[in-house]
Amino acid sequence: MRILFLGAPGVGKGTQAERVGEVMSIPHISTGEMFRHHVGSKTALGLRVEEILARGDLVPDVLTVEMILERLGDPDTTDGFILDGFPRNVAQVHALDEAIGDRALDAVVVLEASNEVLQERILARGRTDDTPESVSNRLDVYERETAPLIDVYRERRLVVKVDGVGEIEEITAKILTALAGLS
């Protein structure tokens, strides 16, 4: 099964994508983890990304797409995968469609929680860059750039909405039940 996880920062996408991937025996592909791997391994892509991040810029879509498409070519993705952090905007949806086809995804899991819950979760992490202002900005960017993808995938009848509030195990069970209903 080829699955995309969408949801605002702090909703638990990474945690749930990892858990669901383990249960389904398919890889969890996180762009954030991939960027860190490339930078840490000093690959050609990593050196370009490191330079961009050092300037405080966002990694351009073309590099993100290049990295994802390279990863989707690995043999462990043959039986499926979970995308987390890509696509993040409509341009990336089109790039993914061009590469694997607009019907290549089987499901889009949208985890939902209120902005109050999300802010509380993110601020509780205690990271120095997690300030009320930065959290508010990240939530605004999500609403402006990523949330519109839900409508794109809803039109394709791929969206499965899941309440992202509750115990981790309960949320995982809800996701697995929703995905089983699609088969």
Foldseek 3Di string as FASTA:
>chain_A
DAEEEDEAAQLCRVVLQVVLCVVVVAEEDELVVLLVVCLVVVPPLNVVSVVCVVVVHDDDLVSSLVSVLVVCPDPRCPVYYYYYPPPQAPVRLVSVCVRQNNPNHQAYEYEDDDLVNRLVSQVVVVDPCNDSVVSVVRRVSSVVGHVVVQVVVVVVVHYDYFYSDDDSVVRSVVVVVSVVVSD
